[in-house]
C-alpha atoms as a PDB file:
ATOM      1  CA  MET A   1      55.466 104.962  56.486  1.00  0.00           C
ATOM      2  CA  SER A   2      56.216 104.774  60.203  1.00  0.00           C
ATOM      3  CA  ARG A   3      55.922 107.617  62.627  1.00  0.00           C
ATOM      4  CA  LYS A   4      58.846 110.218  62.386  1.00  0.00           C
ATOM      5  CA  LEU A   5      60.697 109.801  65.529  1.00  0.00           C
ATOM      6  CA  PRO A   6      64.368 110.462  65.991  1.00  0.00           C
ATOM      7  CA  VAL A   7      66.783 107.551  65.879  1.00  0.00           C
ATOM      8  CA  PHE A   8      69.000 106.371  68.715  1.00  0.00           C
ATOM      9  CA  VAL A   9      72.439 105.316  67.264  1.00  0.00           C
ATOM     10  CA  TYR A  10      75.163 103.413  69.282  1.00  0.00           C
ATOM     11  CA  GLY A  11      77.446 102.114  66.723  1.00  0.00           C
ATOM     12  CA  THR A  12      78.865 102.719  63.303  1.00  0.00           C
ATOM     13  CA  LEU A  13      76.060 105.449  62.729  1.00  0.00           C
ATOM     14  CA  ARG A  14      77.548 107.616  65.567  1.00  0.00           C
ATOM     15  CA  ASN A  15      79.009 111.012  64.566  1.00  0.00           C
ATOM     16  CA  GLY A  16      82.518 110.612  63.352  1.00  0.00           C
ATOM     17  CA  LEU A  17      82.241 106.927  62.212  1.00  0.00           C
ATOM     18  CA  HIS A  18      81.817 105.536  58.769  1.00  0.00           C
ATOM     19  CA  ASN A  19      78.210 104.873  58.567  1.00  0.00           C
ATOM     20  CA  TYR A  20      77.475 108.382  59.832  1.00  0.00           C
ATOM     21  CA  GLU A  21      79.720 109.875  57.133  1.00  0.00           C
ATOM     22  CA  ASN A  22      77.895 107.653  54.588  1.00  0.00           C
ATOM     23  CA  ILE A  23      74.203 108.141  55.520  1.00  0.00           C
ATOM     24  CA  LEU A  24      73.461 110.782  58.431  1.00  0.00           C
ATOM     25  CA  LYS A  25      76.156 113.405  57.728  1.00  0.00           C
ATOM     26  CA  ASP A  26      74.191 116.628  56.740  1.00  0.00           C
ATOM     27  CA  GLN A  27      70.860 114.844  56.999  1.00  0.00           C
ATOM     28  CA  THR A  28      69.996 115.817  60.656  1.00  0.00           C
ATOM     29  CA  ALA A  29      68.461 118.899  62.134  1.00  0.00           C
ATOM     30  CA  ALA A  30      70.041 118.008  65.460  1.00  0.00           C
ATOM     31  CA  GLU A  31      72.026 115.433  67.319  1.00  0.00           C
ATOM     32  CA  ASN A  32      72.225 114.845  71.077  1.00  0.00           C
ATOM     33  CA  ASN A  33      74.159 112.510  73.277  1.00  0.00           C
ATOM     34  CA  ALA A  34      71.893 110.165  75.165  1.00  0.00           C
ATOM     35  CA  THR A  35      71.896 106.793  76.848  1.00  0.00           C
ATOM     36  CA  SER A  36      69.883 103.446  76.564  1.00  0.00           C
ATOM     37  CA  VAL A  37      70.013 100.315  78.669  1.00  0.00           C
ATOM     38  CA  GLY A  38      70.709  96.793  77.525  1.00  0.00           C
ATOM     39  CA  SER A  39      73.703  94.751  76.581  1.00  0.00           C
ATOM     40  CA  LEU A  40      76.044  95.706  73.860  1.00  0.00           C
ATOM     41  CA  TYR A  41      78.274  93.206  71.919  1.00  0.00           C
ATOM     42  CA  ALA A  42      80.607  93.326  69.011  1.00  0.00           C
ATOM     43  CA  VAL A  43      79.284  90.945  66.392  1.00  0.00           C
ATOM     44  CA  ASP A  44      81.537  87.940  66.261  1.00  0.00           C
ATOM     45  CA  HIS A  45      83.827  89.578  63.540  1.00  0.00           C
ATOM     46  CA  GLU A  46      84.047  92.834  65.550  1.00  0.00           C
ATOM     47  CA  SER A  47      83.188  95.182  62.561  1.00  0.00           C
ATOM     48  CA  PHE A  48      79.851  96.528  64.183  1.00  0.00           C
ATOM     49  CA  PRO A  49      77.901  96.394  67.521  1.00  0.00           C
ATOM     50  CA  CYS A  50      74.689  94.915  68.356  1.00  0.00           C
ATOM     51  CA  LEU A  51      72.336  95.850  71.125  1.00  0.00           C
ATOM     52  CA  VAL A  52      70.130  93.404  72.887  1.00  0.00           C
ATOM     53  CA  ARG A  53      67.355  94.347  75.338  1.00  0.00           C
ATOM     54  CA  GLU A  54      68.276  92.182  78.045  1.00  0.00           C
ATOM     55  CA  GLY A  55      70.879  93.631  80.361  1.00  0.00           C
ATOM     56  CA  ARG A  56      71.537  96.598  82.676  1.00  0.00           C
ATOM     57  CA  THR A  57      74.627  98.080  80.973  1.00  0.00           C
ATOM     58  CA  ILE A  58      74.262 101.877  80.151  1.00  0.00           C
ATOM     59  CA  VAL A  59      74.739 102.050  76.453  1.00  0.00           C
ATOM     60  CA  GLN A  60      76.170 105.433  74.866  1.00  0.00           C
ATOM     61  CA  GLY A  61      74.823 106.733  71.762  1.00  0.00           C
ATOM     62  CA  GLU A  62      73.323 109.701  70.026  1.00  0.00           C
ATOM     63  CA  VAL A  63      69.748 110.792  69.150  1.00  0.00           C
ATOM     64  CA  MET A  64      69.630 111.702  65.567  1.00  0.00           C
ATOM     65  CA  TYR A  65      66.786 114.041  64.641  1.00  0.00           C
ATOM     66  CA  ILE A  66      66.593 113.543  60.851  1.00  0.00           C
ATOM     67  CA  LYS A  67      65.668 116.580  58.677  1.00  0.00           C
ATOM     68  CA  GLU A  68      61.859 116.372  57.909  1.00  0.00           C
ATOM     69  CA  ASP A  69      62.296 116.509  54.177  1.00  0.00           C
ATOM     70  CA  ARG A  70      64.905 113.701  54.182  1.00  0.00           C
ATOM     71  CA  TYR A  71      63.190 111.511  56.793  1.00  0.00           C
ATOM     72  CA  ASP A  72      61.561 108.777  54.753  1.00  0.00           C
ATOM     73  CA  ASP A  73      64.607 108.301  52.451  1.00  0.00           C
ATOM     74  CA  ILE A  74      66.940 108.187  55.439  1.00  0.00           C
ATOM     75  CA  LEU A  75      64.997 105.808  57.268  1.00  0.00           C
ATOM     76  CA  LYS A  76      64.742 103.413  54.446  1.00  0.00           C
ATOM     77  CA  LYS A  77      68.658 103.573  54.182  1.00  0.00           C
ATOM     78  CA  LEU A  78      68.923 102.865  57.968  1.00  0.00           C
ATOM     79  CA  ASP A  79      66.570  99.899  57.538  1.00  0.00           C
ATOM     80  CA  TYR A  80      68.444  98.629  54.668  1.00  0.00           C
ATOM     81  CA  LEU A  81      71.803  99.080  56.573  1.00  0.00           C
ATOM     82  CA  GLU A  82      70.435  97.166  59.629  1.00  0.00           C
ATOM     83  CA  GLY A  83      68.918  94.268  57.615  1.00  0.00           C
ATOM     84  CA  TYR A  84      65.449  95.262  58.794  1.00  0.00           C
ATOM     85  CA  ASP A  85      62.494  94.331  56.786  1.00  0.00           C
ATOM     86  CA  GLU A  86      59.212  94.993  58.562  1.00  0.00           C
ATOM     87  CA  SER A  87      57.505  92.460  56.288  1.00  0.00           C
ATOM     88  CA  ASP A  88      59.863  89.641  57.263  1.00  0.00           C
ATOM     89  CA  ILE A  89      60.809  90.334  60.958  1.00  0.00           C
ATOM     90  CA  GLN A  90      61.810  86.747  61.839  1.00  0.00           C
ATOM     91  CA  GLU A  91      64.758  87.090  59.110  1.00  0.00           C
ATOM     92  CA  SER A  92      65.711  90.509  59.896  1.00  0.00           C
ATOM     93  CA  ASP A  93      69.138  91.032  61.372  1.00  0.00           C
ATOM     94  CA  TYR A  94      67.832  93.864  63.482  1.00  0.00           C
ATOM     95  CA  VAL A  95      64.210  95.126  64.399  1.00  0.00           C
ATOM     96  CA  ARG A  96      63.487  98.731  64.675  1.00  0.00           C
ATOM     97  CA  GLU A  97      61.306  99.392  67.754  1.00  0.00           C
ATOM     98  CA  VAL A  98      60.132 102.565  69.504  1.00  0.00           C
ATOM     99  CA  THR A  99      61.769 102.881  73.116  1.00  0.00           C
ATOM    100  CA  THR A 100      62.801 105.669  75.372  1.00  0.00           C
ATOM    101  CA  VAL A 101      66.258 106.896  75.974  1.00  0.00           C
ATOM    102  CA  THR A 102      67.705 109.608  78.232  1.00  0.00           C
ATOM    103  CA  ASP A 103      69.415 112.657  76.790  1.00  0.00           C
ATOM    104  CA  ASP A 104      72.279 114.680  78.314  1.00  0.00           C
ATOM    105  CA  ASN A 105      69.599 116.944  79.891  1.00  0.00           C
ATOM    106  CA  ASP A 106      68.074 114.050  81.817  1.00  0.00           C
ATOM    107  CA  GLN A 107      65.126 114.182  79.540  1.00  0.00           C
ATOM    108  CA  ASP A 108      63.267 111.220  78.147  1.00  0.00           C
ATOM    109  CA  VAL A 109      63.044 110.956  74.380  1.00  0.00           C
ATOM    110  CA  GLU A 110      60.922 108.614  72.427  1.00  0.00           C
ATOM    111  CA  VAL A 111      63.054 107.189  69.582  1.00  0.00           C
ATOM    112  CA  TYR A 112      63.536 104.312  67.124  1.00  0.00           C
ATOM    113  CA  ILE A 113      66.224 101.886  68.058  1.00  0.00           C
ATOM    114  CA  TYR A 114      67.487  98.859  66.242  1.00  0.00           C
ATOM    115  CA  TYR A 115      67.822  95.659  68.424  1.00  0.00           C
ATOM    116  CA  TRP A 116      69.808  92.602  67.297  1.00  0.00           C
ATOM    117  CA  ASN A 117      67.200  90.039  66.216  1.00  0.00           C
ATOM    118  CA  GLN A 118      69.377  86.859  65.660  1.00  0.00           C
ATOM    119  CA  PRO A 119      70.243  84.096  67.945  1.00  0.00           C
ATOM    120  CA  ARG A 120      73.790  83.935  66.322  1.00  0.00           C
ATOM    121  CA  GLY A 121      76.707  86.241  66.017  1.00  0.00           C
ATOM    122  CA  LEU A 122      77.140  87.572  69.464  1.00  0.00           C
ATOM    123  CA  GLY A 123      80.968  88.106  70.105  1.00  0.00           C
ATOM    124  CA  GLU A 124      82.625  89.980  72.825  1.00  0.00           C
ATOM    125  CA  TYR A 125      80.494  91.714  75.456  1.00  0.00           C
ATOM    126  CA  ILE A 126      81.275  95.419  75.529  1.00  0.00           C
ATOM    127  CA  THR A 127      81.376  96.234  79.242  1.00  0.00           C
ATOM    128  CA  SER A 128      81.855  99.938  78.622  1.00  0.00           C
ATOM    129  CA  GLY A 129      78.560 100.141  76.785  1.00  0.00           C
ATOM    130  CA  CYS A 130      80.340 102.455  74.390  1.00  0.00           C
ATOM    131  CA  TRP A 131      81.163 101.404  70.639  1.00  0.00           C
ATOM    132  CA  LYS A 132      83.762 104.279  70.301  1.00  0.00           C
ATOM    133  CA  THR A 133      85.472 103.366  73.612  1.00  0.00           C
ATOM    134  CA  TYR A 134      85.630  99.724  72.615  1.00  0.00           C
ATOM    135  CA  LEU A 135      87.124 100.692  69.068  1.00  0.00           C
ATOM    136  CA  LYS A 136      89.728 102.886  70.900  1.00  0.00           C
ATOM    137  CA  GLU A 137      90.660  99.892  73.085  1.00  0.00           C
ATOM    138  CA  LYS A 138      91.036  97.686  70.139  1.00  0.00           C
ATOM    139  CA  ARG A 139      93.010 100.394  68.422  1.00  0.00           C
ATOM    140  CA  LYS A 140      90.622 100.507  65.543  1.00  0.00           C
ATOM    141  CA  ILE A 141      90.250 104.419  65.849  1.00  0.00           C
ATOM    142  CA  PRO A 142      92.596 106.881  67.197  1.00  0.00           C
ATOM    143  CA  ASP A 143      91.971 108.708  70.544  1.00  0.00           C
ATOM    144  CA  ALA A 144      89.589 111.674  70.093  1.00  0.00           C
END
């Protein structure tokens, strides 16, 4: 299996959102706020975001430190959710890559991140770089 790096999440896997509840809740040893850089979009039907490498927007998210004894199982679930198949990268919806993000303590953290891998499906550009802010603006989640 892959190196056991933490995972940077920027969309529906963020704490408090539905895929966090379904996959990551109680499966992490630690969770820290962090940022990456790129361009964040709502896919064309606005149900989840996608991140592309190109761009200079500060993207808000969280670093999820998955519990050691759950790591392989959770990473498989994340790969499935993101439509990532390491044996068929070209057809994968997202690709899982190693990158560096910056946490709230201004420390660089090496993580896995899922980047959008398809030429289609980009919807609205999220200028705030924050999926939760986008959902609040669209009134899809209440104010925290």
